[in-house]
Each structure stands twice: as structure tokens, then as C-alpha cells.
């Protein structure tokens, strides 16, 4: 339910920002990076005049500690060892950037948003040795950081971002 609401709100904001960017100086960037327990891929849409405002979407991969052969249902018997709460690989997120022009086409900005990950209760059968998912819990994490955006010529944009969930991220894109 949370994921569908997040997707709908993000879609409306993204479309609004895209439509606004057709009137103002807009940009779109794509990129990735790593450093916070894994890597990430990100896309960002925005407008930039004297103030920079952007909306970004990210997927952070890596950092999971659940075996690949884990079965997605509870144990069918009572002879097992409970292995505790484990993080499932990957988080998806949405964030906004807000900044100001500091020199010609150089912008300094802050960013904030949320990411969503998944944890499971992991158990191992003492009979077969297989792993089972006993329960599922979704966790939300705050995301905050900052970065620099630079207009290269009249059509290209380069961004460098750093935040607490993705680590360092580089993006390159197009401006209009």
C-alpha cells in the first residue's frame, strides 16, 4: 500500500515538474555511484534558473544478508533454528533537491527524501537445511545530503551528490 501511494505521489510530482520544466530551464540527469554498503542508480528531473529544484528517484542495491535460496513462506514444521532479522538486498527511494545559483551555471544544493527497504525473519530448517522467510517488515529511512550541479555549455548538466543512504553519486544529463 505504501509503495503504491509513494509511486502515485512521485508520478504526479514528476509530471508536474516536467511540465514546469518545459516553460523554465529544465534538466534531466541519469547516473549512479556507491559507497554506502552498495551501489545505486538514480534519475532526476528539475528546473534551474536562479533557484534549482529537482525530484529524483533512486534504487540502492547491495547490502542484503539473505541467502539467495530462501523460500518465501514459513517453515512447514517446528524443527528449526531462528537466525534473526535480516536485510533484503535493495532499497528504492524518492528525494528532492533545492539549491541556489552560486556562480554562472554552478549550483549548490541540499537534498532530502526517503528510501524504503525490506527486512525478514530468517529461519533454517534443522531437517532439510533450507532457509525460510518467517515474517516481512518494511523499513523507511530518511535520506539527506547535498551536492553541486554544473551546466556544461548550453545542453549538458553534471551533478555530484553525497548523502547518507547512497554515498557518492555522479549524474550526467541534458538541459533545455
Foldseek 3Di string as FASTA:
>chain_A
DVVVVVVVVLVVVVVVFVVVCVVAKKKKKWWKAADQQFIKIKIKIWGDDQKTKIKMKMKGFHDWDDDPQEDEEDDPDDAKAWPAKTWDTMKIWMKMWIWGDDDDFKTKIKMKIKIKTKIFGWMAHPVPRHIYTYDMDMDMDIKIWIWMWGDDPQWKIWIWIAINRGGIMIIIITID
